[in-house]
């Protein structure tokens, strides 16, 4: 759900990627490792499929003028920048 309490439709790949990011909050994960952990098809690290998935997730997780909590760390990978609380 988004901050407004509305459901967000995710593809299986987006869901898997978000799960990996939420399991490793505030930790930078290399693109190749993200692909591996999320089960995104095996491809060379130069493959941009992970970038497309991140872009889609950001668009779906953005709320109003607030950006999605997924940060690009140039030349390294991506990070979920918010703290995650498990219940």
PDB file of N, CA and C in Angstrom:
ATOM      1  N   UNK A   1       0.843  -1.186   0.000  1.00  0.00           N
ATOM      2  CA  UNK A   1       0.000   0.000   0.000  1.00  0.00           C
ATOM      3  C   UNK A   1       0.881   1.240   0.000  1.00  0.00           C
ATOM      4  N   UNK A   2       0.369   2.264  -0.627  1.00  0.00           N
ATOM      5  CA  UNK A   2       1.100   3.526  -0.631  1.00  0.00           C
ATOM      6  C   UNK A   2       0.765   4.297   0.651  1.00  0.00           C
ATOM      7  N   UNK A   3       1.417   5.433   0.896  1.00  0.00           N
ATOM      8  CA  UNK A   3       1.148   6.191   2.127  1.00  0.00           C
ATOM      9  C   UNK A   3      -0.307   6.618   2.284  1.00  0.00           C
ATOM     10  N   UNK A   4      -1.041   6.695   1.176  1.00  0.00           N
ATOM     11  CA  UNK A   4      -2.458   7.060   1.251  1.00  0.00           C
ATOM     12  C   UNK A   4      -3.339   5.846   1.548  1.00  0.00           C
ATOM     13  N   UNK A   5      -2.721   4.670   1.683  1.00  0.00           N
ATOM     14  CA  UNK A   5      -3.481   3.459   1.996  1.00  0.00           C
ATOM     15  C   UNK A   5      -4.057   2.752   0.789  1.00  0.00           C
ATOM     16  N   UNK A   6      -3.646   3.158  -0.401  1.00  0.00           N
ATOM     17  CA  UNK A   6      -4.139   2.544  -1.628  1.00  0.00           C
ATOM     18  C   UNK A   6      -3.228   1.400  -2.044  1.00  0.00           C
ATOM     19  N   UNK A   7      -3.842   0.342  -2.581  1.00  0.00           N
ATOM     20  CA  UNK A   7      -3.056  -0.798  -3.061  1.00  0.00           C
ATOM     21  C   UNK A   7      -2.242  -0.407  -4.282  1.00  0.00           C
ATOM     22  N   UNK A   8      -1.071  -1.020  -4.413  1.00  0.00           N
ATOM     23  CA  UNK A   8      -0.199  -0.794  -5.559  1.00  0.00           C
ATOM     24  C   UNK A   8      -0.024  -2.131  -6.267  1.00  0.00           C
ATOM     25  N   UNK A   9      -0.321  -2.161  -7.552  1.00  0.00           N
ATOM     26  CA  UNK A   9      -0.137  -3.371  -8.337  1.00  0.00           C
ATOM     27  C   UNK A   9       1.308  -3.475  -8.781  1.00  0.00           C
ATOM     28  N   UNK A  10       1.944  -4.608  -8.461  1.00  0.00           N
ATOM     29  CA  UNK A  10       3.319  -4.861  -8.861  1.00  0.00           C
ATOM     30  C   UNK A  10       3.396  -6.137  -9.678  1.00  0.00           C
ATOM     31  N   UNK A  11       4.313  -6.173 -10.623  1.00  0.00           N
ATOM     32  CA  UNK A  11       4.574  -7.419 -11.338  1.00  0.00           C
ATOM     33  C   UNK A  11       5.358  -8.330 -10.389  1.00  0.00           C
ATOM     34  N   UNK A  12       5.489  -9.585 -10.757  1.00  0.00           N
ATOM     35  CA  UNK A  12       6.247 -10.530  -9.926  1.00  0.00           C
ATOM     36  C   UNK A  12       7.699 -10.069  -9.769  1.00  0.00           C
ATOM     37  N   UNK A  13       8.293  -9.585 -10.844  1.00  0.00           N
ATOM     38  CA  UNK A  13       9.685  -9.127 -10.795  1.00  0.00           C
ATOM     39  C   UNK A  13       9.818  -7.886  -9.907  1.00  0.00           C
ATOM     40  N   UNK A  14       8.878  -6.945 -10.017  1.00  0.00           N
ATOM     41  CA  UNK A  14       8.905  -5.746  -9.177  1.00  0.00           C
ATOM     42  C   UNK A  14       8.754  -6.131  -7.702  1.00  0.00           C
ATOM     43  N   UNK A  15       7.856  -7.066  -7.433  1.00  0.00           N
ATOM     44  CA  UNK A  15       7.608  -7.520  -6.065  1.00  0.00           C
ATOM     45  C   UNK A  15       8.870  -8.168  -5.478  1.00  0.00           C
ATOM     46  N   UNK A  16       9.517  -9.017  -6.270  1.00  0.00           N
ATOM     47  CA  UNK A  16      10.734  -9.685  -5.814  1.00  0.00           C
ATOM     48  C   UNK A  16      11.839  -8.666  -5.537  1.00  0.00           C
ATOM     49  N   UNK A  17      11.992  -7.707  -6.419  1.00  0.00           N
ATOM     50  CA  UNK A  17      13.014  -6.674  -6.249  1.00  0.00           C
ATOM     51  C   UNK A  17      12.734  -5.826  -5.012  1.00  0.00           C
ATOM     52  N   UNK A  18      11.495  -5.426  -4.821  1.00  0.00           N
ATOM     53  CA  UNK A  18      11.132  -4.646  -3.639  1.00  0.00           C
ATOM     54  C   UNK A  18      11.397  -5.455  -2.375  1.00  0.00           C
ATOM     55  N   UNK A  19      11.100  -6.741  -2.410  1.00  0.00           N
ATOM     56  CA  UNK A  19      11.370  -7.599  -1.256  1.00  0.00           C
ATOM     57  C   UNK A  19      12.841  -7.618  -0.887  1.00  0.00           C
ATOM     58  N   UNK A  20      13.710  -7.697  -1.890  1.00  0.00           N
ATOM     59  CA  UNK A  20      15.158  -7.681  -1.642  1.00  0.00           C
ATOM     60  C   UNK A  20      15.565  -6.345  -1.029  1.00  0.00           C
ATOM     61  N   UNK A  21      15.076  -5.265  -1.586  1.00  0.00           N
ATOM     62  CA  UNK A  21      15.424  -3.938  -1.057  1.00  0.00           C
ATOM     63  C   UNK A  21      14.939  -3.769   0.386  1.00  0.00           C
ATOM     64  N   UNK A  22      13.738  -4.264   0.679  1.00  0.00           N
ATOM     65  CA  UNK A  22      13.202  -4.151   2.034  1.00  0.00           C
ATOM     66  C   UNK A  22      13.937  -5.048   3.021  1.00  0.00           C
ATOM     67  N   UNK A  23      14.477  -6.167   2.534  1.00  0.00           N
ATOM     68  CA  UNK A  23      15.260  -7.057   3.395  1.00  0.00           C
ATOM     69  C   UNK A  23      16.631  -6.488   3.722  1.00  0.00           C
ATOM     70  N   UNK A  24      17.076  -5.491   2.947  1.00  0.00           N
ATOM     71  CA  UNK A  24      18.397  -4.881   3.128  1.00  0.00           C
ATOM     72  C   UNK A  24      18.278  -3.358   3.155  1.00  0.00           C
ATOM     73  N   UNK A  25      17.462  -2.803   4.069  1.00  0.00           N
ATOM     74  CA  UNK A  25      17.277  -1.349   4.072  1.00  0.00           C
ATOM     75  C   UNK A  25      18.563  -0.617   4.403  1.00  0.00           C
ATOM     76  N   UNK A  26      18.742   0.512   3.755  1.00  0.00           N
ATOM     77  CA  UNK A  26      19.864   1.419   3.988  1.00  0.00           C
ATOM     78  C   UNK A  26      21.221   0.760   3.732  1.00  0.00           C
ATOM     79  N   UNK A  27      21.212  -0.235   2.848  1.00  0.00           N
ATOM     80  CA  UNK A  27      22.442  -0.906   2.422  1.00  0.00           C
ATOM     81  C   UNK A  27      22.489  -0.844   0.899  1.00  0.00           C
ATOM     82  N   UNK A  28      23.606  -0.384   0.356  1.00  0.00           N
ATOM     83  CA  UNK A  28      23.757  -0.318  -1.096  1.00  0.00           C
ATOM     84  C   UNK A  28      23.987  -1.732  -1.623  1.00  0.00           C
ATOM     85  N   UNK A  29      23.205  -2.099  -2.638  1.00  0.00           N
ATOM     86  CA  UNK A  29      23.322  -3.421  -3.256  1.00  0.00           C
ATOM     87  C   UNK A  29      23.679  -3.228  -4.723  1.00  0.00           C
ATOM     88  N   UNK A  30      24.736  -3.900  -5.148  1.00  0.00           N
ATOM     89  CA  UNK A  30      25.178  -3.799  -6.541  1.00  0.00           C
ATOM     90  C   UNK A  30      24.095  -4.332  -7.476  1.00  0.00           C
ATOM     91  N   UNK A  31      24.056  -3.779  -8.672  1.00  0.00           N
ATOM     92  CA  UNK A  31      23.037  -4.163  -9.656  1.00  0.00           C
ATOM     93  C   UNK A  31      23.025  -5.673  -9.896  1.00  0.00           C
ATOM     94  N   UNK A  32      24.203  -6.240 -10.126  1.00  0.00           N
ATOM     95  CA  UNK A  32      24.280  -7.673 -10.391  1.00  0.00           C
ATOM     96  C   UNK A  32      23.770  -8.505  -9.233  1.00  0.00           C
ATOM     97  N   UNK A  33      24.109  -8.098  -8.023  1.00  0.00           N
ATOM     98  CA  UNK A  33      23.649  -8.815  -6.828  1.00  0.00           C
ATOM     99  C   UNK A  33      22.143  -8.676  -6.669  1.00  0.00           C
ATOM    100  N   UNK A  34      21.602  -7.500  -6.958  1.00  0.00           N
ATOM    101  CA  UNK A  34      20.156  -7.310  -6.910  1.00  0.00           C
ATOM    102  C   UNK A  34      19.450  -8.251  -7.872  1.00  0.00           C
ATOM    103  N   UNK A  35      19.996  -8.358  -9.071  1.00  0.00           N
ATOM    104  CA  UNK A  35      19.402  -9.245 -10.069  1.00  0.00           C
ATOM    105  C   UNK A  35      19.422 -10.693  -9.571  1.00  0.00           C
ATOM    106  N   UNK A  36      20.532 -11.066  -8.974  1.00  0.00           N
ATOM    107  CA  UNK A  36      20.676 -12.424  -8.454  1.00  0.00           C
ATOM    108  C   UNK A  36      19.684 -12.691  -7.321  1.00  0.00           C
ATOM    109  N   UNK A  37      19.647 -11.794  -6.333  1.00  0.00           N
ATOM    110  CA  UNK A  37      18.775 -11.974  -5.173  1.00  0.00           C
ATOM    111  C   UNK A  37      17.292 -11.925  -5.529  1.00  0.00           C
ATOM    112  N   UNK A  38      16.944 -11.093  -6.502  1.00  0.00           N
ATOM    113  CA  UNK A  38      15.544 -10.946  -6.899  1.00  0.00           C
ATOM    114  C   UNK A  38      15.111 -12.012  -7.899  1.00  0.00           C
ATOM    115  N   UNK A  39      16.083 -12.793  -8.397  1.00  0.00           N
ATOM    116  CA  UNK A  39      15.731 -13.834  -9.356  1.00  0.00           C
ATOM    117  C   UNK A  39      15.416 -13.292 -10.734  1.00  0.00           C
ATOM    118  N   UNK A  40      15.912 -12.080 -11.011  1.00  0.00           N
ATOM    119  CA  UNK A  40      15.737 -11.500 -12.346  1.00  0.00           C
ATOM    120  C   UNK A  40      16.581 -12.324 -13.298  1.00  0.00           C
ATOM    121  N   UNK A  41      16.080 -12.558 -14.475  1.00  0.00           N
ATOM    122  CA  UNK A  41      16.745 -13.448 -15.429  1.00  0.00           C
ATOM    123  C   UNK A  41      18.254 -13.270 -15.442  1.00  0.00           C
ATOM    124  N   UNK A  42      18.949 -14.368 -15.616  1.00  0.00           N
ATOM    125  CA  UNK A  42      20.407 -14.314 -15.673  1.00  0.00           C
ATOM    126  C   UNK A  42      20.829 -13.522 -16.890  1.00  0.00           C
ATOM    127  N   UNK A  43      21.628 -12.523 -16.654  1.00  0.00           N
ATOM    128  CA  UNK A  43      22.101 -11.661 -17.743  1.00  0.00           C
ATOM    129  C   UNK A  43      23.403 -11.027 -17.306  1.00  0.00           C
ATOM    130  N   UNK A  44      24.196 -10.581 -18.250  1.00  0.00           N
ATOM    131  CA  UNK A  44      25.436  -9.905 -17.864  1.00  0.00           C
ATOM    132  C   UNK A  44      25.147  -8.648 -17.060  1.00  0.00           C
ATOM    133  N   UNK A  45      26.098  -8.218 -16.253  1.00  0.00           N
ATOM    134  CA  UNK A  45      25.870  -7.063 -15.385  1.00  0.00           C
ATOM    135  C   UNK A  45      25.624  -5.776 -16.173  1.00  0.00           C
ATOM    136  N   UNK A  46      25.928  -5.789 -17.477  1.00  0.00           N
ATOM    137  CA  UNK A  46      25.664  -4.601 -18.282  1.00  0.00           C
ATOM    138  C   UNK A  46      24.196  -4.537 -18.713  1.00  0.00           C
ATOM    139  N   UNK A  47      23.451  -5.606 -18.447  1.00  0.00           N
ATOM    140  CA  UNK A  47      22.035  -5.631 -18.804  1.00  0.00           C
ATOM    141  C   UNK A  47      21.280  -4.566 -18.007  1.00  0.00           C
ATOM    142  N   UNK A  48      20.355  -3.879 -18.644  1.00  0.00           N
ATOM    143  CA  UNK A  48      19.638  -2.774 -18.010  1.00  0.00           C
ATOM    144  C   UNK A  48      18.261  -3.157 -17.472  1.00  0.00           C
ATOM    145  N   UNK A  49      17.929  -4.437 -17.439  1.00  0.00           N
ATOM    146  CA  UNK A  49      16.600  -4.820 -16.971  1.00  0.00           C
ATOM    147  C   UNK A  49      16.364  -4.396 -15.522  1.00  0.00           C
ATOM    148  N   UNK A  50      17.385  -4.434 -14.687  1.00  0.00           N
ATOM    149  CA  UNK A  50      17.224  -4.023 -13.295  1.00  0.00           C
ATOM    150  C   UNK A  50      16.930  -2.529 -13.220  1.00  0.00           C
ATOM    151  N   UNK A  51      17.531  -1.749 -14.113  1.00  0.00           N
ATOM    152  CA  UNK A  51      17.281  -0.304 -14.138  1.00  0.00           C
ATOM    153  C   UNK A  51      15.828  -0.007 -14.501  1.00  0.00           C
ATOM    154  N   UNK A  52      15.286  -0.776 -15.430  1.00  0.00           N
ATOM    155  CA  UNK A  52      13.887  -0.603 -15.831  1.00  0.00           C
ATOM    156  C   UNK A  52      12.971  -0.946 -14.660  1.00  0.00           C
ATOM    157  N   UNK A  53      13.269  -2.039 -13.957  1.00  0.00           N
ATOM    158  CA  UNK A  53      12.448  -2.426 -12.804  1.00  0.00           C
ATOM    159  C   UNK A  53      12.511  -1.377 -11.697  1.00  0.00           C
ATOM    160  N   UNK A  54      13.696  -0.858 -11.447  1.00  0.00           N
ATOM    161  CA  UNK A  54      13.851   0.196 -10.426  1.00  0.00           C
ATOM    162  C   UNK A  54      13.032   1.418 -10.820  1.00  0.00           C
ATOM    163  N   UNK A  55      13.094   1.796 -12.084  1.00  0.00           N
ATOM    164  CA  UNK A  55      12.335   2.951 -12.571  1.00  0.00           C
ATOM    165  C   UNK A  55      10.834   2.747 -12.363  1.00  0.00           C
ATOM    166  N   UNK A  56      10.354   1.564 -12.685  1.00  0.00           N
ATOM    167  CA  UNK A  56       8.920   1.263 -12.501  1.00  0.00           C
ATOM    168  C   UNK A  56       8.541   1.299 -11.028  1.00  0.00           C
ATOM    169  N   UNK A  57       9.384   0.719 -10.180  1.00  0.00           N
ATOM    170  CA  UNK A  57       9.108   0.736  -8.744  1.00  0.00           C
ATOM    171  C   UNK A  57       9.073   2.157  -8.207  1.00  0.00           C
ATOM    172  N   UNK A  58      10.033   2.964  -8.609  1.00  0.00           N
ATOM    173  CA  UNK A  58      10.041   4.358  -8.155  1.00  0.00           C
ATOM    174  C   UNK A  58       8.749   5.067  -8.538  1.00  0.00           C
ATOM    175  N   UNK A  59       8.322   4.878  -9.768  1.00  0.00           N
ATOM    176  CA  UNK A  59       7.104   5.526 -10.235  1.00  0.00           C
ATOM    177  C   UNK A  59       5.898   5.067  -9.400  1.00  0.00           C
ATOM    178  N   UNK A  60       5.840   3.786  -9.084  1.00  0.00           N
ATOM    179  CA  UNK A  60       4.708   3.249  -8.330  1.00  0.00           C
ATOM    180  C   UNK A  60       4.768   3.606  -6.849  1.00  0.00           C
ATOM    181  N   UNK A  61       5.965   3.782  -6.292  1.00  0.00           N
ATOM    182  CA  UNK A  61       6.109   4.068  -4.866  1.00  0.00           C
ATOM    183  C   UNK A  61       6.131   5.553  -4.531  1.00  0.00           C
ATOM    184  N   UNK A  62       6.271   6.382  -5.543  1.00  0.00           N
ATOM    185  CA  UNK A  62       6.299   7.833  -5.325  1.00  0.00           C
ATOM    186  C   UNK A  62       4.934   8.279  -4.784  1.00  0.00           C
ATOM    187  N   UNK A  63       4.946   9.255  -3.890  1.00  0.00           N
ATOM    188  CA  UNK A  63       3.698   9.772  -3.319  1.00  0.00           C
ATOM    189  C   UNK A  63       3.708  11.284  -3.424  1.00  0.00           C
ATOM    190  N   UNK A  64       2.837  11.813  -4.284  1.00  0.00           N
ATOM    191  CA  UNK A  64       2.793  13.258  -4.492  1.00  0.00           C
ATOM    192  C   UNK A  64       4.130  13.769  -4.995  1.00  0.00           C
ATOM    193  N   UNK A  65       4.643  14.786  -4.343  1.00  0.00           N
ATOM    194  CA  UNK A  65       5.935  15.337  -4.756  1.00  0.00           C
ATOM    195  C   UNK A  65       7.107  14.630  -4.061  1.00  0.00           C
ATOM    196  N   UNK A  66       6.793  13.720  -3.152  1.00  0.00           N
ATOM    197  CA  UNK A  66       7.841  12.965  -2.451  1.00  0.00           C
ATOM    198  C   UNK A  66       8.390  11.875  -3.360  1.00  0.00           C
ATOM    199  N   UNK A  67       9.707  11.796  -3.508  1.00  0.00           N
ATOM    200  CA  UNK A  67      10.277  10.731  -4.346  1.00  0.00           C
ATOM    201  C   UNK A  67      10.182   9.383  -3.653  1.00  0.00           C
ATOM    202  N   UNK A  68      10.274   8.324  -4.419  1.00  0.00           N
ATOM    203  CA  UNK A  68      10.304   6.976  -3.856  1.00  0.00           C
ATOM    204  C   UNK A  68      11.594   6.810  -3.057  1.00  0.00           C
ATOM    205  N   UNK A  69      11.577   5.953  -2.037  1.00  0.00           N
ATOM    206  CA  UNK A  69      12.758   5.801  -1.180  1.00  0.00           C
ATOM    207  C   UNK A  69      13.836   4.873  -1.758  1.00  0.00           C
ATOM    208  N   UNK A  70      13.939   4.819  -3.073  1.00  0.00           N
ATOM    209  CA  UNK A  70      14.970   4.018  -3.724  1.00  0.00           C
ATOM    210  C   UNK A  70      15.997   4.978  -4.307  1.00  0.00           C
ATOM    211  N   UNK A  71      17.217   4.858  -3.833  1.00  0.00           N
ATOM    212  CA  UNK A  71      18.293   5.775  -4.197  1.00  0.00           C
ATOM    213  C   UNK A  71      19.296   5.072  -5.106  1.00  0.00           C
ATOM    214  N   UNK A  72      19.743   5.797  -6.125  1.00  0.00           N
ATOM    215  CA  UNK A  72      20.818   5.302  -6.978  1.00  0.00           C
ATOM    216  C   UNK A  72      22.148   5.739  -6.391  1.00  0.00           C
ATOM    217  N   UNK A  73      23.051   4.790  -6.213  1.00  0.00           N
ATOM    218  CA  UNK A  73      24.403   5.104  -5.786  1.00  0.00           C
ATOM    219  C   UNK A  73      25.269   4.878  -7.022  1.00  0.00           C
ATOM    220  N   UNK A  74      25.636   5.974  -7.639  1.00  0.00           N
ATOM    221  CA  UNK A  74      26.333   5.904  -8.926  1.00  0.00           C
ATOM    222  C   UNK A  74      27.529   4.964  -8.903  1.00  0.00           C
ATOM    223  N   UNK A  75      27.594   4.183  -9.964  1.00  0.00           N
ATOM    224  CA  UNK A  75      28.673   3.215 -10.193  1.00  0.00           C
ATOM    225  C   UNK A  75      28.704   2.064  -9.189  1.00  0.00           C
ATOM    226  N   UNK A  76      27.671   1.998  -8.329  1.00  0.00           N
ATOM    227  CA  UNK A  76      27.632   0.914  -7.346  1.00  0.00           C
ATOM    228  C   UNK A  76      26.341   0.116  -7.472  1.00  0.00           C
ATOM    229  N   UNK A  77      25.214   0.752  -7.195  1.00  0.00           N
ATOM    230  CA  UNK A  77      23.943   0.033  -7.236  1.00  0.00           C
ATOM    231  C   UNK A  77      22.800   0.870  -6.705  1.00  0.00           C
ATOM    232  N   UNK A  78      21.929   0.221  -5.950  1.00  0.00           N
ATOM    233  CA  UNK A  78      20.731   0.882  -5.440  1.00  0.00           C
ATOM    234  C   UNK A  78      20.576   0.609  -3.950  1.00  0.00           C
ATOM    235  N   UNK A  79      19.807   1.497  -3.295  1.00  0.00           N
ATOM    236  CA  UNK A  79      19.579   1.362  -1.869  1.00  0.00           C
ATOM    237  C   UNK A  79      18.166   1.817  -1.539  1.00  0.00           C
ATOM    238  N   UNK A  80      17.491   1.093  -0.647  1.00  0.00           N
ATOM    239  CA  UNK A  80      16.216   1.533  -0.091  1.00  0.00           C
ATOM    240  C   UNK A  80      16.585   2.428   1.081  1.00  0.00           C
ATOM    241  N   UNK A  81      16.314   3.717   0.957  1.00  0.00           N
ATOM    242  CA  UNK A  81      16.856   4.706   1.900  1.00  0.00           C
ATOM    243  C   UNK A  81      16.075   4.846   3.207  1.00  0.00           C
ATOM    244  N   UNK A  82      14.853   4.369   3.265  1.00  0.00           N
ATOM    245  CA  UNK A  82      14.056   4.508   4.485  1.00  0.00           C
ATOM    246  C   UNK A  82      14.310   3.347   5.434  1.00  0.00           C
ATOM    247  N   UNK A  83      14.090   3.606   6.706  1.00  0.00           N
ATOM    248  CA  UNK A  83      14.160   2.535   7.703  1.00  0.00           C
ATOM    249  C   UNK A  83      12.951   1.619   7.489  1.00  0.00           C
ATOM    250  N   UNK A  84      13.120   0.359   7.771  1.00  0.00           N
ATOM    251  CA  UNK A  84      12.046  -0.623   7.618  1.00  0.00           C
ATOM    252  C   UNK A  84      11.751  -1.219   8.984  1.00  0.00           C
ATOM    253  N   UNK A  85      10.482  -1.195   9.342  1.00  0.00           N
ATOM    254  CA  UNK A  85      10.055  -1.761  10.617  1.00  0.00           C
ATOM    255  C   UNK A  85       9.253  -3.019  10.333  1.00  0.00           C
ATOM    256  N   UNK A  86       9.676  -4.120  10.898  1.00  0.00           N
ATOM    257  CA  UNK A  86       8.982  -5.407  10.711  1.00  0.00           C
ATOM    258  C   UNK A  86       8.011  -5.597  11.883  1.00  0.00           C
ATOM    259  N   UNK A  87       6.836  -6.101  11.548  1.00  0.00           N
ATOM    260  CA  UNK A  87       5.830  -6.374  12.601  1.00  0.00           C
ATOM    261  C   UNK A  87       5.560  -7.840  12.696  1.00  0.00           C
TER     262      UNK A  87
END
